[in-house]
Amino acid sequence: QRQALVHRDLKPSNIFLTPHGVKLLDFGLAIAAQSHLSDGTITRLTQPGTIMATPHYAAPEQLQGGLVDGRTDIFAVGAVLYEMLAGNPPFGGLSPVELFHAILYDQPPVLTGGPAVAAVDRIVHRALAKSPHERYQTADAMAQDLRTAHALGDSGSGGSARALSRLIELPFRILRSDP
């Protein structure tokens, strides 16, 4: 049965694989997805500006004290999937401040490999979009894309993470002659 909850602390240690499927644990930080009162105001269970998440899996809106919804959990799932494939979290830093900056402003390295890895990379990067509006709007939509990527099969080549470098060639115009 589907519940309208935002977990707010999805991370590898809260996700268990069982013979009956995936089980989520530790709903200590979970809130109702619709925390609006009848007059339209929003109820808050935590103090504004309080970060309620595990930093490596926190969405930008959590770090900024913004409103959270299901797309916040989609960001965390993207971070978990990225870590599963690359062997390290998508964002890093030597201090919490560096980690928060990376989550807010940096893009994780691209996952490289076969066609299935490339498809999953697009899915994961969409889930890790900085703006909730650019992420999957529902977990079902993300799951459908993951099923499609899984159908591409695996060529046996593992995925790896590599920073993407882009060369941009700009047209130059001489503004004045320089001997």
Protein backbone atom coordinates (compact mmCIF):
# COMPACT_ATOMS: atom_id res chain seq x y z
CA GLN A 1 0.00 0.00 0.00
CA ARG A 2 1.35 3.46 -0.90
CA GLN A 3 1.60 6.02 1.85
CA ALA A 4 1.97 9.77 1.32
CA LEU A 5 5.19 10.02 3.35
CA VAL A 6 8.52 11.72 2.82
CA HIS A 7 11.20 9.57 4.45
CA ARG A 8 13.84 12.38 4.61
CA ASP A 9 16.67 9.98 5.54
CA LEU A 10 17.03 7.45 2.73
CA LYS A 11 20.55 6.01 2.75
CA PRO A 12 22.10 2.57 2.26
CA SER A 13 21.76 1.57 5.91
CA ASN A 14 17.99 2.28 5.77
CA ILE A 15 17.39 0.17 2.66
CA PHE A 16 17.23 -3.62 3.03
CA LEU A 17 16.89 -6.19 0.29
CA THR A 18 14.75 -9.14 1.39
CA PRO A 19 13.32 -12.18 -0.41
CA HIS A 20 10.05 -10.21 -0.57
CA GLY A 21 11.57 -7.06 -2.10
CA VAL A 22 13.06 -3.80 -0.90
CA LYS A 23 12.21 -2.71 2.65
CA LEU A 24 12.73 0.80 3.96
CA LEU A 25 13.66 1.17 7.61
CA ASP A 26 13.93 3.97 10.16
CA PHE A 27 10.99 6.27 9.62
CA GLY A 28 12.09 8.48 12.53
CA LEU A 29 12.37 11.57 10.32
CA ALA A 30 9.42 10.78 8.04
CA ILE A 31 6.70 13.36 7.60
CA ALA A 32 3.38 13.39 5.80
CA ALA A 33 3.84 14.52 2.21
CA GLN A 34 0.94 16.91 2.55
CA SER A 35 1.65 18.87 5.73
CA HIS A 36 -0.78 21.67 4.91
CA LEU A 37 -3.50 22.87 7.23
CA SER A 38 -6.98 23.64 5.89
CA ASP A 39 -6.15 27.37 5.77
CA GLY A 40 -3.19 26.67 3.43
CA THR A 41 -0.44 27.18 5.98
CA ILE A 42 2.28 24.58 6.28
CA THR A 43 2.90 22.71 9.49
CA ARG A 44 6.52 22.25 10.51
CA LEU A 45 7.68 19.45 12.74
CA THR A 46 11.25 20.75 12.84
CA GLN A 47 12.73 24.18 13.34
CA PRO A 48 13.37 26.20 10.16
CA GLY A 49 16.99 25.88 9.09
CA THR A 50 17.43 22.51 10.80
CA ILE A 51 18.97 19.87 8.54
CA MET A 52 17.07 16.63 9.00
CA ALA A 53 18.96 14.12 6.85
CA THR A 54 22.22 12.27 6.43
CA PRO A 55 24.43 14.82 4.64
CA HIS A 56 25.68 12.63 1.73
CA TYR A 57 22.09 11.88 0.71
CA ALA A 58 20.43 15.21 1.51
CA ALA A 59 18.73 17.11 -1.30
CA PRO A 60 19.55 20.79 -1.84
CA GLU A 61 16.16 21.87 -0.48
CA GLN A 62 16.89 20.00 2.77
CA LEU A 63 20.24 21.74 3.16
CA GLN A 64 18.61 25.11 2.50
CA GLY A 65 15.77 24.52 4.95
CA GLY A 66 13.18 24.49 2.17
CA LEU A 67 10.01 22.49 1.75
CA VAL A 68 10.46 18.77 1.16
CA ASP A 69 8.26 16.35 -0.74
CA GLY A 70 8.61 13.04 -2.58
CA ARG A 71 11.15 14.56 -4.95
CA THR A 72 13.46 15.01 -1.96
CA ASP A 73 13.47 11.24 -1.47
CA ILE A 74 14.03 10.78 -5.23
CA PHE A 75 17.25 12.81 -4.86
CA ALA A 76 18.37 10.49 -2.04
CA VAL A 77 17.55 7.39 -4.13
CA GLY A 78 19.62 8.87 -6.96
CA ALA A 79 22.53 9.36 -4.57
CA VAL A 80 22.24 5.76 -3.32
CA LEU A 81 22.07 4.36 -6.88
CA TYR A 82 25.07 6.45 -7.90
CA GLU A 83 27.07 5.15 -4.94
CA MET A 84 26.07 1.57 -5.75
CA LEU A 85 27.35 1.93 -9.32
CA ALA A 86 30.42 4.12 -8.80
CA GLY A 87 31.57 2.83 -5.42
CA ASN A 88 31.55 6.28 -3.85
CA PRO A 89 28.93 8.96 -3.14
CA PRO A 90 28.10 11.41 -5.92
CA PHE A 91 29.21 14.38 -3.82
CA GLY A 92 32.15 14.66 -1.51
CA GLY A 93 34.15 17.07 0.55
CA LEU A 94 36.69 17.14 3.34
CA SER A 95 34.28 18.97 5.62
CA PRO A 96 30.52 19.30 5.95
CA VAL A 97 30.72 22.76 4.38
CA GLU A 98 32.54 21.40 1.32
CA LEU A 99 30.03 18.54 1.06
CA PHE A 100 27.07 20.93 1.28
CA HIS A 101 28.63 23.17 -1.37
CA ALA A 102 29.10 20.19 -3.69
CA ILE A 103 25.48 19.10 -3.25
CA LEU A 104 24.23 22.63 -3.91
CA TYR A 105 26.46 23.55 -6.86
CA ASP A 106 28.48 20.65 -8.33
CA GLN A 107 27.53 17.85 -10.70
CA PRO A 108 28.67 14.29 -9.95
CA PRO A 109 31.04 12.62 -12.41
CA VAL A 110 29.40 10.84 -15.31
CA LEU A 111 29.01 7.06 -15.04
CA THR A 112 30.60 5.38 -18.03
CA GLY A 113 30.13 1.88 -19.39
CA GLY A 114 27.80 0.12 -21.80
CA PRO A 115 24.40 1.27 -23.03
CA ALA A 116 22.64 0.19 -19.83
CA VAL A 117 25.11 2.16 -17.69
CA ALA A 118 24.68 5.23 -19.91
CA ALA A 119 20.89 4.95 -19.56
CA VAL A 120 21.12 4.60 -15.78
CA ASP A 121 23.53 7.56 -15.68
CA ARG A 122 20.88 9.77 -17.31
CA ILE A 123 18.29 8.54 -14.81
CA VAL A 124 20.57 9.09 -11.81
CA HIS A 125 21.63 12.56 -12.96
CA ARG A 126 17.98 13.53 -13.43
CA ALA A 127 17.22 12.27 -9.92
CA LEU A 128 20.16 14.35 -8.64
CA ALA A 129 18.99 17.58 -10.29
CA LYS A 130 19.43 20.60 -8.03
CA SER A 131 15.85 21.80 -8.55
CA PRO A 132 13.00 19.48 -7.51
CA HIS A 133 11.13 20.61 -10.65
CA GLU A 134 13.87 19.08 -12.84
CA ARG A 135 13.79 15.72 -11.03
CA TYR A 136 11.39 12.86 -11.56
CA GLN A 137 8.06 14.00 -10.20
CA THR A 138 7.12 10.54 -8.95
CA ALA A 139 8.98 7.42 -7.88
CA ASP A 140 6.84 5.44 -10.34
CA ALA A 141 8.19 7.50 -13.27
CA MET A 142 11.77 6.89 -12.13
CA ALA A 143 11.10 3.18 -11.60
CA GLN A 144 9.68 2.88 -15.12
CA ASP A 145 12.82 4.43 -16.62
CA LEU A 146 14.99 2.10 -14.52
CA ARG A 147 13.02 -0.91 -15.82
CA THR A 148 13.56 0.32 -19.38
CA ALA A 149 17.31 0.73 -18.74
CA HIS A 150 17.43 -2.75 -17.21
CA ALA A 151 15.85 -4.14 -20.37
CA LEU A 152 18.87 -2.88 -22.35
CA GLY A 153 20.84 -5.63 -20.66
CA ASP A 154 24.37 -5.63 -19.38
CA SER A 155 27.34 -6.35 -21.60
CA GLY A 156 29.30 -7.50 -18.57
CA SER A 157 31.32 -4.31 -18.43
CA GLY A 158 31.12 -2.55 -15.11
CA GLY A 159 30.42 1.11 -14.76
CA SER A 160 32.92 3.70 -13.62
CA ALA A 161 32.67 7.35 -12.70
CA ARG A 162 34.63 9.88 -14.67
CA ALA A 163 34.61 13.65 -14.50
CA LEU A 164 33.26 15.07 -17.72
CA SER A 165 35.45 17.69 -19.37
CA ARG A 166 34.08 19.78 -22.14
CA LEU A 167 36.01 21.82 -24.62
CA ILE A 168 34.15 24.85 -25.80
CA GLU A 169 35.48 26.70 -28.79
CA LEU A 170 34.42 30.32 -28.85
CA PRO A 171 34.65 32.52 -31.92
CA PHE A 172 37.16 35.28 -31.33
CA ARG A 173 37.00 38.67 -32.94
CA ILE A 174 39.89 41.11 -33.06
CA LEU A 175 38.69 44.33 -31.48
CA ARG A 176 41.83 46.30 -32.22
CA SER A 177 45.09 45.51 -33.87
CA ASP A 178 47.92 44.71 -31.49
CA PRO A 179 51.44 44.83 -32.95
